[in-house]
Amino acid sequence: MTVLLYDINERIATLTINRPERRNSLSGEVIDLMFDKLDVAEHDDDVRVIVITGAGEKAYCSGADLGGGVGGKGTRGYADLLKRILNFPKPTISRVDGYCMAGGMGLMLASDIVIASDRSQYGTPEVNVGLWPSMISALIYRNMLPKQALPMILTGERFGAEKAMQMGFLSEMVPAADLDSAVLKIAQNLAQKSPIGMKLGKASYNAMQSLPLEEALDFLSGELTKVANTQDAAEGIQAFMEKRKPNFTGK
């Protein structure tokens, strides 16, 4: 049984951590395969959106496999995987159901969009076994207020989807029965957009976050020129004028 499933449908590539008996924990093999499949998806013009999820209903991802060790590329591999997802040139969606703990929260927060079921559970329990969510904390810090973040990390307590939504972790929370349809709806929407427009746009969005406001505005002005000069931009404007759907080619 492969520990990572890869499926393409309607220009949407789904990466499913397939270790339900281990609550879809991250082994070295899973991390290696995620790198491999992300490389495949990036260079496949038929793929325009990535969905990351876990097999079954019990867990999205429970973090590192403490029983078997992270192995493979190890902790350095996990850090690189978070960066790979953060900077991935195509839109990424995390479909979260069940437990999303520790390193699983890192995968979730590295994604562009998070759609979660109302029964999903969250937490950073590393402190309970004498560890610390070191790499994950960089993403937690950027997604919530410090006075919420540090108590969560220090206590290691578990909390539900409603609180995760209030804390800013989730893009959308839906009933478990509606999770797949909610993910499909937004993935199909994204798949219709210009691939080159979103690639350039995501890169500029990530790059400008560390810049002072005036520098960011100057930088983004130049980035807009790049997007405006693409064939997809010309096609999009022409389609708007002709009141038809654009045919984006990613050029």
C-alpha atoms as a PDB file:
ATOM      1  CA  MET A   1       0.000   0.000   0.000  1.00  0.00           C
ATOM      2  CA  THR A   2       1.430   3.332  -1.038  1.00  0.00           C
ATOM      3  CA  VAL A   3       1.606   5.880   1.767  1.00  0.00           C
ATOM      4  CA  LEU A   4       0.778   8.790  -0.551  1.00  0.00           C
ATOM      5  CA  LEU A   5      -1.982   8.703  -3.152  1.00  0.00           C
ATOM      6  CA  TYR A   6      -1.855  10.991  -6.187  1.00  0.00           C
ATOM      7  CA  ASP A   7      -4.901  11.604  -8.330  1.00  0.00           C
ATOM      8  CA  ILE A   8      -5.763  14.106 -11.075  1.00  0.00           C
ATOM      9  CA  ASN A   9      -9.320  15.056 -11.970  1.00  0.00           C
ATOM     10  CA  GLU A  10     -10.589  18.182 -13.735  1.00  0.00           C
ATOM     11  CA  ARG A  11      -7.137  19.825 -13.541  1.00  0.00           C
ATOM     12  CA  ILE A  12      -7.089  19.262  -9.782  1.00  0.00           C
ATOM     13  CA  ALA A  13      -4.294  17.108  -8.318  1.00  0.00           C
ATOM     14  CA  THR A  14      -5.024  15.565  -4.923  1.00  0.00           C
ATOM     15  CA  LEU A  15      -2.252  14.379  -2.603  1.00  0.00           C
ATOM     16  CA  THR A  16      -3.657  12.065   0.056  1.00  0.00           C
ATOM     17  CA  ILE A  17      -1.537  10.903   2.976  1.00  0.00           C
ATOM     18  CA  ASN A  18      -2.580   7.252   3.097  1.00  0.00           C
ATOM     19  CA  ARG A  19      -1.728   6.066   6.600  1.00  0.00           C
ATOM     20  CA  PRO A  20      -5.127   6.049   8.328  1.00  0.00           C
ATOM     21  CA  GLU A  21      -3.991   3.390  10.799  1.00  0.00           C
ATOM     22  CA  ARG A  22      -1.323   5.878  11.989  1.00  0.00           C
ATOM     23  CA  ARG A  23      -3.654   8.889  11.792  1.00  0.00           C
ATOM     24  CA  ASN A  24      -1.859   9.893   8.596  1.00  0.00           C
ATOM     25  CA  SER A  25       1.332  10.739  10.429  1.00  0.00           C
ATOM     26  CA  LEU A  26       4.395  11.920   8.529  1.00  0.00           C
ATOM     27  CA  SER A  27       7.079   9.351   7.882  1.00  0.00           C
ATOM     28  CA  GLY A  28      10.245   9.962   5.894  1.00  0.00           C
ATOM     29  CA  GLU A  29       8.659   8.100   2.995  1.00  0.00           C
ATOM     30  CA  VAL A  30       5.602  10.344   3.038  1.00  0.00           C
ATOM     31  CA  ILE A  31       7.766  13.469   3.020  1.00  0.00           C
ATOM     32  CA  ASP A  32       9.912  12.152   0.147  1.00  0.00           C
ATOM     33  CA  LEU A  33       6.840  11.241  -1.902  1.00  0.00           C
ATOM     34  CA  MET A  34       5.233  14.620  -1.281  1.00  0.00           C
ATOM     35  CA  PHE A  35       8.307  16.307  -2.743  1.00  0.00           C
ATOM     36  CA  ASP A  36       8.190  13.951  -5.734  1.00  0.00           C
ATOM     37  CA  LYS A  37       4.501  14.468  -6.465  1.00  0.00           C
ATOM     38  CA  LEU A  38       4.694  18.239  -6.010  1.00  0.00           C
ATOM     39  CA  ASP A  39       7.487  18.259  -8.606  1.00  0.00           C
ATOM     40  CA  VAL A  40       5.291  16.227 -10.964  1.00  0.00           C
ATOM     41  CA  ALA A  41       2.309  18.516 -10.413  1.00  0.00           C
ATOM     42  CA  GLU A  42       4.323  21.691 -10.928  1.00  0.00           C
ATOM     43  CA  HIS A  43       5.497  20.610 -14.369  1.00  0.00           C
ATOM     44  CA  ASP A  44       2.178  19.136 -15.500  1.00  0.00           C
ATOM     45  CA  ASP A  45       0.255  21.750 -17.501  1.00  0.00           C
ATOM     46  CA  ASP A  46      -2.934  19.761 -16.942  1.00  0.00           C
ATOM     47  CA  VAL A  47      -2.683  20.441 -13.198  1.00  0.00           C
ATOM     48  CA  ARG A  48      -3.769  23.875 -12.038  1.00  0.00           C
ATOM     49  CA  VAL A  49      -4.704  23.300  -8.387  1.00  0.00           C
ATOM     50  CA  ILE A  50      -3.313  21.097  -5.578  1.00  0.00           C
ATOM     51  CA  VAL A  51      -5.429  19.610  -2.783  1.00  0.00           C
ATOM     52  CA  ILE A  52      -3.654  18.122   0.256  1.00  0.00           C
ATOM     53  CA  THR A  53      -5.605  15.814   2.552  1.00  0.00           C
ATOM     54  CA  GLY A  54      -5.524  12.617   4.599  1.00  0.00           C
ATOM     55  CA  ALA A  55      -7.203   9.250   4.054  1.00  0.00           C
ATOM     56  CA  GLY A  56     -10.299   8.406   6.069  1.00  0.00           C
ATOM     57  CA  GLU A  57     -12.324  10.508   8.463  1.00  0.00           C
ATOM     58  CA  LYS A  58     -10.158  10.327  11.595  1.00  0.00           C
ATOM     59  CA  ALA A  59      -7.222  12.512  10.617  1.00  0.00           C
ATOM     60  CA  TYR A  60      -5.894  15.017   8.119  1.00  0.00           C
ATOM     61  CA  CYS A  61      -2.394  14.593   9.532  1.00  0.00           C
ATOM     62  CA  SER A  62      -1.336  14.016  13.133  1.00  0.00           C
ATOM     63  CA  GLY A  63       2.245  15.213  12.650  1.00  0.00           C
ATOM     64  CA  ALA A  64       5.493  13.283  12.769  1.00  0.00           C
ATOM     65  CA  ASP A  65       5.439   9.519  13.272  1.00  0.00           C
ATOM     66  CA  LEU A  66       7.047   9.452  16.715  1.00  0.00           C
ATOM     67  CA  GLY A  67       7.013   5.665  16.775  1.00  0.00           C
ATOM     68  CA  GLY A  68       8.988   5.262  13.589  1.00  0.00           C
ATOM     69  CA  GLY A  69      10.835   8.548  13.599  1.00  0.00           C
ATOM     70  CA  VAL A  70      10.645  11.020  10.764  1.00  0.00           C
ATOM     71  CA  GLY A  71      13.460   9.215   8.914  1.00  0.00           C
ATOM     72  CA  GLY A  72      14.164   9.921   5.246  1.00  0.00           C
ATOM     73  CA  LYS A  73      14.889  13.573   4.818  1.00  0.00           C
ATOM     74  CA  GLY A  74      14.215  14.083   8.527  1.00  0.00           C
ATOM     75  CA  THR A  75      13.430  17.383  10.205  1.00  0.00           C
ATOM     76  CA  ARG A  76      15.303  19.294   7.511  1.00  0.00           C
ATOM     77  CA  GLY A  77      13.040  17.637   4.954  1.00  0.00           C
ATOM     78  CA  TYR A  78       9.938  18.752   6.803  1.00  0.00           C
ATOM     79  CA  ALA A  79      11.130  22.369   6.913  1.00  0.00           C
ATOM     80  CA  ASP A  80      11.877  22.224   3.197  1.00  0.00           C
ATOM     81  CA  LEU A  81       8.461  20.686   2.552  1.00  0.00           C
ATOM     82  CA  LEU A  82       6.736  23.589   4.323  1.00  0.00           C
ATOM     83  CA  LYS A  83       8.719  26.034   2.179  1.00  0.00           C
ATOM     84  CA  ARG A  84       7.889  24.034  -0.952  1.00  0.00           C
ATOM     85  CA  ILE A  85       4.149  24.271  -0.230  1.00  0.00           C
ATOM     86  CA  LEU A  86       4.349  27.941   0.805  1.00  0.00           C
ATOM     87  CA  ASN A  87       6.102  28.886  -2.434  1.00  0.00           C
ATOM     88  CA  PHE A  88       4.338  26.442  -4.740  1.00  0.00           C
ATOM     89  CA  PRO A  89       3.501  28.267  -8.001  1.00  0.00           C
ATOM     90  CA  LYS A  90      -0.016  26.816  -8.214  1.00  0.00           C
ATOM     91  CA  PRO A  91      -2.836  27.336  -5.681  1.00  0.00           C
ATOM     92  CA  THR A  92      -2.863  24.852  -2.799  1.00  0.00           C
ATOM     93  CA  ILE A  93      -5.859  23.813  -0.712  1.00  0.00           C
ATOM     94  CA  SER A  94      -5.816  21.801   2.505  1.00  0.00           C
ATOM     95  CA  ARG A  95      -8.914  19.632   2.972  1.00  0.00           C
ATOM     96  CA  VAL A  96      -9.031  19.011   6.731  1.00  0.00           C
ATOM     97  CA  ASP A  97     -11.142  16.390   8.476  1.00  0.00           C
ATOM     98  CA  GLY A  98     -10.512  14.787  11.865  1.00  0.00           C
ATOM     99  CA  TYR A  99      -7.233  15.380  13.692  1.00  0.00           C
ATOM    100  CA  CYS A 100      -4.859  18.073  12.470  1.00  0.00           C
ATOM    101  CA  MET A 101      -2.053  18.101  14.991  1.00  0.00           C
ATOM    102  CA  ALA A 102       1.571  19.188  15.308  1.00  0.00           C
ATOM    103  CA  GLY A 103       3.265  18.833  11.925  1.00  0.00           C
ATOM    104  CA  GLY A 104      -0.156  18.452  10.331  1.00  0.00           C
ATOM    105  CA  MET A 105      -0.905  22.032  11.348  1.00  0.00           C
ATOM    106  CA  GLY A 106       2.259  23.053   9.543  1.00  0.00           C
ATOM    107  CA  LEU A 107       1.069  21.452   6.293  1.00  0.00           C
ATOM    108  CA  MET A 108      -2.311  23.099   6.724  1.00  0.00           C
ATOM    109  CA  LEU A 109      -0.948  26.581   7.441  1.00  0.00           C
ATOM    110  CA  ALA A 110       1.511  26.362   4.543  1.00  0.00           C
ATOM    111  CA  SER A 111      -1.419  25.935   2.160  1.00  0.00           C
ATOM    112  CA  ASP A 112      -3.067  28.925   0.496  1.00  0.00           C
ATOM    113  CA  ILE A 113      -6.608  27.924   1.439  1.00  0.00           C
ATOM    114  CA  VAL A 114      -7.906  25.713   4.262  1.00  0.00           C
ATOM    115  CA  ILE A 115     -11.358  24.123   4.062  1.00  0.00           C
ATOM    116  CA  ALA A 116     -12.177  22.143   7.213  1.00  0.00           C
ATOM    117  CA  SER A 117     -15.033  20.088   8.582  1.00  0.00           C
ATOM    118  CA  ASP A 118     -16.824  21.163  11.744  1.00  0.00           C
ATOM    119  CA  ARG A 119     -15.622  17.997  13.496  1.00  0.00           C
ATOM    120  CA  SER A 120     -11.911  18.641  12.866  1.00  0.00           C
ATOM    121  CA  GLN A 121      -9.567  18.953  15.864  1.00  0.00           C
ATOM    122  CA  TYR A 122      -6.352  20.958  16.253  1.00  0.00           C
ATOM    123  CA  GLY A 123      -3.427  21.367  18.594  1.00  0.00           C
ATOM    124  CA  THR A 124       0.328  21.470  19.092  1.00  0.00           C
ATOM    125  CA  PRO A 125       0.866  18.663  21.643  1.00  0.00           C
ATOM    126  CA  GLU A 126       4.650  18.551  21.260  1.00  0.00           C
ATOM    127  CA  VAL A 127       5.154  20.141  24.690  1.00  0.00           C
ATOM    128  CA  ASN A 128       3.394  17.145  26.282  1.00  0.00           C
ATOM    129  CA  VAL A 129       6.243  14.835  25.225  1.00  0.00           C
ATOM    130  CA  GLY A 130       9.057  17.267  25.987  1.00  0.00           C
ATOM    131  CA  LEU A 131       9.324  18.689  22.465  1.00  0.00           C
ATOM    132  CA  TRP A 132       8.498  22.042  20.893  1.00  0.00           C
ATOM    133  CA  PRO A 133       6.723  22.870  17.597  1.00  0.00           C
ATOM    134  CA  SER A 134       9.748  24.783  16.350  1.00  0.00           C
ATOM    135  CA  MET A 135       9.197  24.925  12.593  1.00  0.00           C
ATOM    136  CA  ILE A 136       5.422  25.040  12.919  1.00  0.00           C
ATOM    137  CA  SER A 137       5.654  28.052  15.229  1.00  0.00           C
ATOM    138  CA  ALA A 138       6.973  30.188  12.349  1.00  0.00           C
ATOM    139  CA  LEU A 139       3.682  29.622  10.521  1.00  0.00           C
ATOM    140  CA  ILE A 140       1.558  29.900  13.659  1.00  0.00           C
ATOM    141  CA  TYR A 141       3.171  33.281  14.400  1.00  0.00           C
ATOM    142  CA  ARG A 142       2.196  34.523  10.940  1.00  0.00           C
ATOM    143  CA  ASN A 143      -1.381  33.305  11.178  1.00  0.00           C
ATOM    144  CA  MET A 144      -2.545  34.440  14.598  1.00  0.00           C
ATOM    145  CA  LEU A 145      -2.020  36.951  17.394  1.00  0.00           C
ATOM    146  CA  PRO A 146       0.974  36.293  19.693  1.00  0.00           C
ATOM    147  CA  LYS A 147      -1.157  36.244  22.860  1.00  0.00           C
ATOM    148  CA  GLN A 148      -3.207  33.447  21.336  1.00  0.00           C
ATOM    149  CA  ALA A 149      -0.293  31.603  19.754  1.00  0.00           C
ATOM    150  CA  LEU A 150       2.021  31.165  22.711  1.00  0.00           C
ATOM    151  CA  PRO A 151      -0.604  29.893  25.191  1.00  0.00           C
ATOM    152  CA  MET A 152      -1.708  27.348  22.593  1.00  0.00           C
ATOM    153  CA  ILE A 153       1.861  26.113  22.171  1.00  0.00           C
ATOM    154  CA  LEU A 154       2.674  26.171  25.891  1.00  0.00           C
ATOM    155  CA  THR A 155      -0.406  24.235  27.022  1.00  0.00           C
ATOM    156  CA  GLY A 156      -0.547  21.754  24.154  1.00  0.00           C
ATOM    157  CA  GLU A 157      -4.313  21.666  24.505  1.00  0.00           C
ATOM    158  CA  ARG A 158      -6.608  20.382  21.761  1.00  0.00           C
ATOM    159  CA  PHE A 159      -9.371  22.581  20.350  1.00  0.00           C
ATOM    160  CA  GLY A 160     -12.130  22.325  17.776  1.00  0.00           C
ATOM    161  CA  ALA A 161     -12.891  23.788  14.374  1.00  0.00           C
ATOM    162  CA  GLU A 162     -14.955  26.705  15.636  1.00  0.00           C
ATOM    163  CA  LYS A 163     -12.059  28.008  17.723  1.00  0.00           C
ATOM    164  CA  ALA A 164      -9.616  27.360  14.869  1.00  0.00           C
ATOM    165  CA  MET A 165     -11.850  29.488  12.662  1.00  0.00           C
ATOM    166  CA  GLN A 166     -11.924  32.271  15.253  1.00  0.00           C
ATOM    167  CA  MET A 167      -8.138  32.108  15.581  1.00  0.00           C
ATOM    168  CA  GLY A 168      -7.671  32.625  11.859  1.00  0.00           C
ATOM    169  CA  PHE A 169      -6.392  29.166  10.910  1.00  0.00           C
ATOM    170  CA  LEU A 170      -9.222  28.260   8.546  1.00  0.00           C
ATOM    171  CA  SER A 171     -10.538  29.829   5.357  1.00  0.00           C
ATOM    172  CA  GLU A 172     -13.875  28.069   5.672  1.00  0.00           C
ATOM    173  CA  MET A 173     -15.578  25.631   8.057  1.00  0.00           C
ATOM    174  CA  VAL A 174     -18.374  23.403   6.750  1.00  0.00           C
ATOM    175  CA  PRO A 175     -20.406  20.421   7.982  1.00  0.00           C
ATOM    176  CA  ALA A 176     -18.474  17.187   7.461  1.00  0.00           C
ATOM    177  CA  ALA A 177     -21.050  15.985   4.929  1.00  0.00           C
ATOM    178  CA  ASP A 178     -20.371  19.085   2.788  1.00  0.00           C
ATOM    179  CA  LEU A 179     -16.579  19.022   2.965  1.00  0.00           C
ATOM    180  CA  ASP A 180     -15.862  17.383  -0.386  1.00  0.00           C
ATOM    181  CA  SER A 181     -18.323  19.560  -2.280  1.00  0.00           C
ATOM    182  CA  ALA A 182     -16.927  22.725  -0.660  1.00  0.00           C
ATOM    183  CA  VAL A 183     -13.359  21.783  -1.597  1.00  0.00           C
ATOM    184  CA  LEU A 184     -14.375  20.829  -5.137  1.00  0.00           C
ATOM    185  CA  LYS A 185     -16.257  24.086  -5.635  1.00  0.00           C
ATOM    186  CA  ILE A 186     -13.295  26.305  -4.797  1.00  0.00           C
ATOM    187  CA  ALA A 187     -10.796  24.041  -6.593  1.00  0.00           C
ATOM    188  CA  GLN A 188     -12.871  24.168  -9.778  1.00  0.00           C
ATOM    189  CA  ASN A 189     -13.070  27.934  -9.461  1.00  0.00           C
ATOM    190  CA  LEU A 190      -9.285  28.230  -9.172  1.00  0.00           C
ATOM    191  CA  ALA A 191      -8.714  25.796 -12.050  1.00  0.00           C
ATOM    192  CA  GLN A 192     -10.436  28.244 -14.390  1.00  0.00           C
ATOM    193  CA  LYS A 193      -8.054  31.093 -13.592  1.00  0.00           C
ATOM    194  CA  SER A 194      -4.894  32.030 -15.489  1.00  0.00           C
ATOM    195  CA  PRO A 195      -2.005  29.740 -14.401  1.00  0.00           C
ATOM    196  CA  ILE A 196       0.656  32.315 -15.235  1.00  0.00           C
ATOM    197  CA  GLY A 197      -1.317  35.087 -13.554  1.00  0.00           C
ATOM    198  CA  MET A 198      -1.630  33.115 -10.338  1.00  0.00           C
ATOM    199  CA  LYS A 199       2.009  31.982 -10.471  1.00  0.00           C
ATOM    200  CA  LEU A 200       3.315  35.533 -10.782  1.00  0.00           C
ATOM    201  CA  GLY A 201       0.720  36.838  -8.350  1.00  0.00           C
ATOM    202  CA  LYS A 202       1.524  34.290  -5.617  1.00  0.00           C
ATOM    203  CA  ALA A 203       5.245  34.942  -5.948  1.00  0.00           C
ATOM    204  CA  SER A 204       4.766  38.701  -5.644  1.00  0.00           C
ATOM    205  CA  TYR A 205       2.346  38.307  -2.719  1.00  0.00           C
ATOM    206  CA  ASN A 206       4.878  36.224  -0.788  1.00  0.00           C
ATOM    207  CA  ALA A 207       7.794  38.493  -1.634  1.00  0.00           C
ATOM    208  CA  MET A 208       6.119  41.760  -0.636  1.00  0.00           C
ATOM    209  CA  GLN A 209       5.200  40.629   2.880  1.00  0.00           C
ATOM    210  CA  SER A 210       8.656  41.362   4.268  1.00  0.00           C
ATOM    211  CA  LEU A 211       8.900  44.792   2.591  1.00  0.00           C
ATOM    212  CA  PRO A 212       8.065  48.210   4.080  1.00  0.00           C
ATOM    213  CA  LEU A 213       4.841  49.637   2.640  1.00  0.00           C
ATOM    214  CA  GLU A 214       6.377  52.089   0.178  1.00  0.00           C
ATOM    215  CA  GLU A 215       8.858  49.495  -1.098  1.00  0.00           C
ATOM    216  CA  ALA A 216       6.046  46.969  -1.399  1.00  0.00           C
ATOM    217  CA  LEU A 217       3.983  49.351  -3.527  1.00  0.00           C
ATOM    218  CA  ASP A 218       6.917  50.049  -5.861  1.00  0.00           C
ATOM    219  CA  PHE A 219       7.719  46.338  -6.109  1.00  0.00           C
ATOM    220  CA  LEU A 220       4.111  45.369  -6.827  1.00  0.00           C
ATOM    221  CA  SER A 221       3.816  48.036  -9.491  1.00  0.00           C
ATOM    222  CA  GLY A 222       6.586  46.314 -11.421  1.00  0.00           C
ATOM    223  CA  GLU A 223       5.050  42.896 -10.813  1.00  0.00           C
ATOM    224  CA  LEU A 224       1.711  44.086 -12.213  1.00  0.00           C
ATOM    225  CA  THR A 225       3.487  45.052 -15.410  1.00  0.00           C
ATOM    226  CA  LYS A 226       4.791  41.483 -15.722  1.00  0.00           C
ATOM    227  CA  VAL A 227       1.307  40.032 -15.335  1.00  0.00           C
ATOM    228  CA  ALA A 228      -0.228  42.582 -17.713  1.00  0.00           C
ATOM    229  CA  ASN A 229       2.244  41.594 -20.432  1.00  0.00           C
ATOM    230  CA  THR A 230       1.218  37.909 -20.455  1.00  0.00           C
ATOM    231  CA  GLN A 231      -0.870  36.349 -23.207  1.00  0.00           C
ATOM    232  CA  ASP A 232      -3.393  35.270 -20.600  1.00  0.00           C
ATOM    233  CA  ALA A 233      -3.941  38.885 -19.533  1.00  0.00           C
ATOM    234  CA  ALA A 234      -4.589  39.906 -23.118  1.00  0.00           C
ATOM    235  CA  GLU A 235      -6.974  36.972 -23.534  1.00  0.00           C
ATOM    236  CA  GLY A 236      -8.753  37.774 -20.274  1.00  0.00           C
ATOM    237  CA  ILE A 237      -9.325  41.405 -21.226  1.00  0.00           C
ATOM    238  CA  GLN A 238     -10.464  40.446 -24.727  1.00  0.00           C
ATOM    239  CA  ALA A 239     -12.861  37.849 -23.322  1.00  0.00           C
ATOM    240  CA  PHE A 240     -14.274  40.440 -20.921  1.00  0.00           C
ATOM    241  CA  MET A 241     -14.880  42.862 -23.770  1.00  0.00           C
ATOM    242  CA  GLU A 242     -16.535  40.133 -25.855  1.00  0.00           C
ATOM    243  CA  LYS A 243     -18.584  38.877 -22.873  1.00  0.00           C
ATOM    244  CA  ARG A 244     -17.268  35.299 -23.075  1.00  0.00           C
ATOM    245  CA  LYS A 245     -15.271  32.937 -20.895  1.00  0.00           C
ATOM    246  CA  PRO A 246     -11.491  33.324 -21.339  1.00  0.00           C
ATOM    247  CA  ASN A 247      -9.360  30.488 -22.652  1.00  0.00           C
ATOM    248  CA  PHE A 248      -6.260  30.687 -20.487  1.00  0.00           C
ATOM    249  CA  THR A 249      -3.170  28.790 -21.664  1.00  0.00           C
ATOM    250  CA  GLY A 250      -0.675  29.731 -18.955  1.00  0.00           C
ATOM    251  CA  LYS A 251       1.446  31.912 -21.212  1.00  0.00           C
END
